[in-house]
C-alpha atoms as a PDB file:
ATOM      1  CA  UNK A   1       9.770  16.736   3.370  1.00  0.00           C
ATOM      2  CA  UNK A   2       9.533  14.188   0.934  1.00  0.00           C
ATOM      3  CA  UNK A   3       7.313  11.000   1.913  1.00  0.00           C
ATOM      4  CA  UNK A   4      10.979   9.095   2.230  1.00  0.00           C
ATOM      5  CA  UNK A   5      11.544  11.328   5.377  1.00  0.00           C
ATOM      6  CA  UNK A   6       8.238  10.463   6.889  1.00  0.00           C
ATOM      7  CA  UNK A   7       8.514   6.818   6.281  1.00  0.00           C
ATOM      8  CA  UNK A   8       9.249   5.217   9.616  1.00  0.00           C
ATOM      9  CA  UNK A   9      12.596   3.099   8.501  1.00  0.00           C
ATOM     10  CA  UNK A  10      13.940   0.137  10.427  1.00  0.00           C
ATOM     11  CA  UNK A  11      17.418  -0.999  10.096  1.00  0.00           C
ATOM     12  CA  UNK A  12      17.833  -4.856   8.435  1.00  0.00           C
ATOM     13  CA  UNK A  13      21.396  -4.553   8.471  1.00  0.00           C
ATOM     14  CA  UNK A  14      24.409  -2.482   8.614  1.00  0.00           C
ATOM     15  CA  UNK A  15      27.893  -2.315   7.837  1.00  0.00           C
ATOM     16  CA  UNK A  16      31.125  -0.804   5.948  1.00  0.00           C
ATOM     17  CA  UNK A  17      31.717  -1.565   2.452  1.00  0.00           C
ATOM     18  CA  UNK A  18      35.298  -0.674   1.074  1.00  0.00           C
ATOM     19  CA  UNK A  19      35.496   2.503  -1.469  1.00  0.00           C
ATOM     20  CA  UNK A  20      36.183   1.831  -5.198  1.00  0.00           C
ATOM     21  CA  UNK A  21      39.112   4.201  -5.699  1.00  0.00           C
ATOM     22  CA  UNK A  22      42.593   3.116  -5.262  1.00  0.00           C
ATOM     23  CA  UNK A  23      43.071   5.213  -2.000  1.00  0.00           C
ATOM     24  CA  UNK A  24      41.057   2.728  -0.082  1.00  0.00           C
ATOM     25  CA  UNK A  25      38.659   3.573   2.793  1.00  0.00           C
ATOM     26  CA  UNK A  26      35.426   2.753   3.953  1.00  0.00           C
ATOM     27  CA  UNK A  27      31.821   4.148   3.861  1.00  0.00           C
ATOM     28  CA  UNK A  28      29.344   3.053   6.572  1.00  0.00           C
ATOM     29  CA  UNK A  29      25.302   2.127   5.278  1.00  0.00           C
ATOM     30  CA  UNK A  30      22.482   0.767   6.444  1.00  0.00           C
ATOM     31  CA  UNK A  31      19.693  -1.082   4.650  1.00  0.00           C
ATOM     32  CA  UNK A  32      16.354  -0.260   5.769  1.00  0.00           C
ATOM     33  CA  UNK A  33      12.531  -1.503   5.428  1.00  0.00           C
ATOM     34  CA  UNK A  34       9.336   0.016   6.015  1.00  0.00           C
ATOM     35  CA  UNK A  35       7.432  -1.130   8.922  1.00  0.00           C
ATOM     36  CA  UNK A  36       5.221  -3.303   6.668  1.00  0.00           C
ATOM     37  CA  UNK A  37       7.805  -5.085   5.089  1.00  0.00           C
ATOM     38  CA  UNK A  38       6.896  -3.835   1.616  1.00  0.00           C
ATOM     39  CA  UNK A  39       9.810  -1.481   0.890  1.00  0.00           C
ATOM     40  CA  UNK A  40      13.758  -1.262   1.151  1.00  0.00           C
ATOM     41  CA  UNK A  41      16.031   1.554   1.487  1.00  0.00           C
ATOM     42  CA  UNK A  42      19.403   2.632   1.523  1.00  0.00           C
ATOM     43  CA  UNK A  43      21.719   5.202   3.524  1.00  0.00           C
ATOM     44  CA  UNK A  44      25.273   6.084   3.918  1.00  0.00           C
ATOM     45  CA  UNK A  45      26.231   6.602   7.581  1.00  0.00           C
ATOM     46  CA  UNK A  46      29.926   7.592   7.523  1.00  0.00           C
ATOM     47  CA  UNK A  47      32.731   8.013   5.377  1.00  0.00           C
ATOM     48  CA  UNK A  48      36.552   6.870   6.745  1.00  0.00           C
ATOM     49  CA  UNK A  49      37.871   9.709   4.525  1.00  0.00           C
ATOM     50  CA  UNK A  50      37.158  13.274   4.741  1.00  0.00           C
ATOM     51  CA  UNK A  51      34.833  13.732   1.546  1.00  0.00           C
ATOM     52  CA  UNK A  52      31.222  14.820   1.350  1.00  0.00           C
ATOM     53  CA  UNK A  53      28.257  12.634   0.471  1.00  0.00           C
ATOM     54  CA  UNK A  54      24.521  13.061   1.051  1.00  0.00           C
ATOM     55  CA  UNK A  55      22.763  11.291   3.608  1.00  0.00           C
ATOM     56  CA  UNK A  56      19.796  10.417   1.769  1.00  0.00           C
ATOM     57  CA  UNK A  57      17.377   7.722   2.451  1.00  0.00           C
ATOM     58  CA  UNK A  58      17.101   6.292  -0.961  1.00  0.00           C
ATOM     59  CA  UNK A  59      14.102   3.952  -1.729  1.00  0.00           C
ATOM     60  CA  UNK A  60      15.033   1.136  -3.588  1.00  0.00           C
ATOM     61  CA  UNK A  61      12.643   2.044  -6.185  1.00  0.00           C
ATOM     62  CA  UNK A  62      15.046   4.980  -6.887  1.00  0.00           C
ATOM     63  CA  UNK A  63      18.082   2.865  -7.208  1.00  0.00           C
ATOM     64  CA  UNK A  64      16.408   0.338  -9.521  1.00  0.00           C
ATOM     65  CA  UNK A  65      15.379   3.341 -11.779  1.00  0.00           C
ATOM     66  CA  UNK A  66      19.088   3.968 -12.078  1.00  0.00           C
ATOM     67  CA  UNK A  67      19.658   0.233 -13.805  1.00  0.00           C
ATOM     68  CA  UNK A  68      19.825   0.301 -17.660  1.00  0.00           C
ATOM     69  CA  UNK A  69      16.970  -1.772 -19.408  1.00  0.00           C
ATOM     70  CA  UNK A  70      19.330  -4.077 -20.399  1.00  0.00           C
ATOM     71  CA  UNK A  71      20.477  -5.940 -17.420  1.00  0.00           C
ATOM     72  CA  UNK A  72      23.363  -6.852 -19.268  1.00  0.00           C
ATOM     73  CA  UNK A  73      24.540  -3.672 -19.752  1.00  0.00           C
ATOM     74  CA  UNK A  74      27.545  -2.276 -17.648  1.00  0.00           C
ATOM     75  CA  UNK A  75      26.961   0.581 -15.661  1.00  0.00           C
ATOM     76  CA  UNK A  76      29.412   3.120 -14.201  1.00  0.00           C
ATOM     77  CA  UNK A  77      29.321   4.165 -10.531  1.00  0.00           C
ATOM     78  CA  UNK A  78      28.113   7.398 -11.326  1.00  0.00           C
ATOM     79  CA  UNK A  79      24.955   6.075 -12.699  1.00  0.00           C
ATOM     80  CA  UNK A  80      23.431   5.865  -9.015  1.00  0.00           C
ATOM     81  CA  UNK A  81      24.301   9.236  -8.170  1.00  0.00           C
ATOM     82  CA  UNK A  82      20.603  10.480  -9.945  1.00  0.00           C
ATOM     83  CA  UNK A  83      18.855   8.328  -6.885  1.00  0.00           C
ATOM     84  CA  UNK A  84      20.175  10.934  -4.475  1.00  0.00           C
ATOM     85  CA  UNK A  85      18.555  14.506  -3.618  1.00  0.00           C
ATOM     86  CA  UNK A  86      21.891  15.770  -2.734  1.00  0.00           C
ATOM     87  CA  UNK A  87      24.408  16.457  -5.477  1.00  0.00           C
ATOM     88  CA  UNK A  88      27.907  15.328  -4.115  1.00  0.00           C
ATOM     89  CA  UNK A  89      30.335  13.528  -6.570  1.00  0.00           C
ATOM     90  CA  UNK A  90      30.896  10.922  -3.989  1.00  0.00           C
ATOM     91  CA  UNK A  91      27.206   9.892  -3.802  1.00  0.00           C
ATOM     92  CA  UNK A  92      27.011   7.620  -6.922  1.00  0.00           C
ATOM     93  CA  UNK A  93      30.549   5.987  -6.334  1.00  0.00           C
ATOM     94  CA  UNK A  94      29.462   5.429  -2.527  1.00  0.00           C
ATOM     95  CA  UNK A  95      26.182   3.601  -3.329  1.00  0.00           C
ATOM     96  CA  UNK A  96      27.702   1.437  -5.969  1.00  0.00           C
ATOM     97  CA  UNK A  97      30.204   0.629  -3.244  1.00  0.00           C
ATOM     98  CA  UNK A  98      27.424  -0.747  -0.799  1.00  0.00           C
ATOM     99  CA  UNK A  99      25.476  -2.443  -3.666  1.00  0.00           C
ATOM    100  CA  UNK A 100      28.856  -4.370  -4.812  1.00  0.00           C
ATOM    101  CA  UNK A 101      29.349  -5.192  -0.909  1.00  0.00           C
ATOM    102  CA  UNK A 102      25.781  -6.517  -0.559  1.00  0.00           C
ATOM    103  CA  UNK A 103      26.096  -8.667  -3.987  1.00  0.00           C
ATOM    104  CA  UNK A 104      23.778  -6.573  -6.160  1.00  0.00           C
ATOM    105  CA  UNK A 105      26.480  -5.603  -8.451  1.00  0.00           C
ATOM    106  CA  UNK A 106      29.578  -7.289  -9.601  1.00  0.00           C
ATOM    107  CA  UNK A 107      32.851  -5.974 -11.402  1.00  0.00           C
ATOM    108  CA  UNK A 108      32.610  -5.724 -14.948  1.00  0.00           C
ATOM    109  CA  UNK A 109      35.264  -8.034 -16.508  1.00  0.00           C
ATOM    110  CA  UNK A 110      35.773  -6.094 -19.689  1.00  0.00           C
ATOM    111  CA  UNK A 111      35.409  -2.390 -18.088  1.00  0.00           C
ATOM    112  CA  UNK A 112      37.756  -2.001 -14.995  1.00  0.00           C
ATOM    113  CA  UNK A 113      35.281   0.987 -13.860  1.00  0.00           C
ATOM    114  CA  UNK A 114      32.067  -0.569 -14.579  1.00  0.00           C
ATOM    115  CA  UNK A 115      29.649  -2.709 -12.866  1.00  0.00           C
ATOM    116  CA  UNK A 116      27.358  -5.881 -13.956  1.00  0.00           C
ATOM    117  CA  UNK A 117      23.902  -6.205 -12.457  1.00  0.00           C
ATOM    118  CA  UNK A 118      23.962  -9.593 -10.490  1.00  0.00           C
ATOM    119  CA  UNK A 119      21.675 -11.998 -11.464  1.00  0.00           C
ATOM    120  CA  UNK A 120      20.410 -12.643  -7.933  1.00  0.00           C
ATOM    121  CA  UNK A 121      19.244  -8.977  -8.128  1.00  0.00           C
ATOM    122  CA  UNK A 122      15.963  -9.857  -6.929  1.00  0.00           C
ATOM    123  CA  UNK A 123      16.568 -12.992  -4.787  1.00  0.00           C
ATOM    124  CA  UNK A 124      18.696 -10.966  -2.604  1.00  0.00           C
ATOM    125  CA  UNK A 125      16.232  -7.840  -2.463  1.00  0.00           C
ATOM    126  CA  UNK A 126      13.528 -10.744  -1.183  1.00  0.00           C
ATOM    127  CA  UNK A 127      16.039 -12.204   1.302  1.00  0.00           C
ATOM    128  CA  UNK A 128      16.620  -8.489   2.632  1.00  0.00           C
ATOM    129  CA  UNK A 129      12.671  -8.205   2.595  1.00  0.00           C
ATOM    130  CA  UNK A 130      12.217 -11.043   4.589  1.00  0.00           C
ATOM    131  CA  UNK A 131      14.959 -10.388   7.286  1.00  0.00           C
ATOM    132  CA  UNK A 132      14.043  -9.403  10.713  1.00  0.00           C
ATOM    133  CA  UNK A 133      14.078  -5.629  11.095  1.00  0.00           C
ATOM    134  CA  UNK A 134      15.759  -4.375  14.078  1.00  0.00           C
ATOM    135  CA  UNK A 135      15.942  -0.680  15.556  1.00  0.00           C
ATOM    136  CA  UNK A 136      14.202   2.226  13.978  1.00  0.00           C
ATOM    137  CA  UNK A 137      16.648   4.572  12.031  1.00  0.00           C
ATOM    138  CA  UNK A 138      16.252   8.250  12.773  1.00  0.00           C
ATOM    139  CA  UNK A 139      18.672  10.058  10.721  1.00  0.00           C
ATOM    140  CA  UNK A 140      20.521  13.047  12.513  1.00  0.00           C
ATOM    141  CA  UNK A 141      19.389  16.436  11.892  1.00  0.00           C
ATOM    142  CA  UNK A 142      21.914  19.214  10.505  1.00  0.00           C
ATOM    143  CA  UNK A 143      22.432  21.935  12.977  1.00  0.00           C
ATOM    144  CA  UNK A 144      20.626  24.081  10.894  1.00  0.00           C
ATOM    145  CA  UNK A 145      17.322  22.092  10.510  1.00  0.00           C
ATOM    146  CA  UNK A 146      14.524  23.017  13.122  1.00  0.00           C
ATOM    147  CA  UNK A 147      12.849  20.008  14.568  1.00  0.00           C
ATOM    148  CA  UNK A 148       9.199  19.627  13.474  1.00  0.00           C
ATOM    149  CA  UNK A 149       7.100  22.870  14.734  1.00  0.00           C
ATOM    150  CA  UNK A 150      10.324  24.961  15.380  1.00  0.00           C
ATOM    151  CA  UNK A 151      11.337  28.156  13.380  1.00  0.00           C
ATOM    152  CA  UNK A 152      14.928  28.915  13.309  1.00  0.00           C
ATOM    153  CA  UNK A 153      14.657  31.644  15.974  1.00  0.00           C
ATOM    154  CA  UNK A 154      13.564  29.078  18.469  1.00  0.00           C
ATOM    155  CA  UNK A 155      16.755  26.975  17.938  1.00  0.00           C
ATOM    156  CA  UNK A 156      18.975  27.018  20.883  1.00  0.00           C
ATOM    157  CA  UNK A 157      22.105  28.061  18.837  1.00  0.00           C
ATOM    158  CA  UNK A 158      19.840  30.480  16.805  1.00  0.00           C
ATOM    159  CA  UNK A 159      19.878  28.078  13.593  1.00  0.00           C
ATOM    160  CA  UNK A 160      23.389  29.940  12.404  1.00  0.00           C
ATOM    161  CA  UNK A 161      23.628  28.908   8.815  1.00  0.00           C
ATOM    162  CA  UNK A 162      26.746  27.186   7.782  1.00  0.00           C
ATOM    163  CA  UNK A 163      29.346  30.085   6.991  1.00  0.00           C
ATOM    164  CA  UNK A 164      31.212  28.227   3.846  1.00  0.00           C
ATOM    165  CA  UNK A 165      30.733  29.913   0.463  1.00  0.00           C
ATOM    166  CA  UNK A 166      27.809  28.135  -1.922  1.00  0.00           C
ATOM    167  CA  UNK A 167      29.107  27.460  -5.627  1.00  0.00           C
ATOM    168  CA  UNK A 168      32.390  28.788  -6.724  1.00  0.00           C
ATOM    169  CA  UNK A 169      34.860  29.048  -3.733  1.00  0.00           C
ATOM    170  CA  UNK A 170      37.951  30.965  -2.830  1.00  0.00           C
ATOM    171  CA  UNK A 171      40.134  28.933  -5.437  1.00  0.00           C
ATOM    172  CA  UNK A 172      38.228  29.085  -8.256  1.00  0.00           C
ATOM    173  CA  UNK A 173      36.768  25.906  -7.817  1.00  0.00           C
ATOM    174  CA  UNK A 174      33.998  24.481  -7.079  1.00  0.00           C
ATOM    175  CA  UNK A 175      32.810  24.087  -3.284  1.00  0.00           C
ATOM    176  CA  UNK A 176      30.733  21.357  -1.881  1.00  0.00           C
ATOM    177  CA  UNK A 177      27.611  22.257  -0.410  1.00  0.00           C
ATOM    178  CA  UNK A 178      27.223  19.017   1.065  1.00  0.00           C
ATOM    179  CA  UNK A 179      27.715  18.499   5.131  1.00  0.00           C
ATOM    180  CA  UNK A 180      31.002  16.667   5.845  1.00  0.00           C
ATOM    181  CA  UNK A 181      29.676  13.583   7.636  1.00  0.00           C
ATOM    182  CA  UNK A 182      33.162  12.320   8.663  1.00  0.00           C
ATOM    183  CA  UNK A 183      32.887  13.103  12.226  1.00  0.00           C
ATOM    184  CA  UNK A 184      29.109  12.625  12.562  1.00  0.00           C
ATOM    185  CA  UNK A 185      28.004   9.616  14.868  1.00  0.00           C
ATOM    186  CA  UNK A 186      25.563   6.994  14.207  1.00  0.00           C
END
């Protein structure tokens, strides 16, 4: 387990953000804060389409490490994918959509598919840190994940693994190894 999963996160705000693509749709998200009010995090919680994504809890410093040194440089949506542990192709664009909705990014005037870092980045971050925290956020476990202290054999359904092929699939293309969260509830 990583330290991100051990941190007790509290919900500051949640909502939806319009996807970046021309097909539309929305992604659900939560902005989280640690109990001490020192760290922010972000997690994607839903997708109105059928695509996969990673439900990783992204510490804000992992997001900020994706930013270029020159804050005037426009960034592509895929730049934020490196903040995730999961490898879904949707991760970067979904995180970008949320950052755009929260005001951390703006569309770059000279590049249709790139984004400018908002001058108010640190002001918005400070405002979120100062906000009253709400309920504790406990991410939903996958069916194949055992609660702490349980082995796979002790899980009621036997911990049956996902039967989808890993790597190259039936049609010769790559098959997503992420969980489809479209039907998951919060």
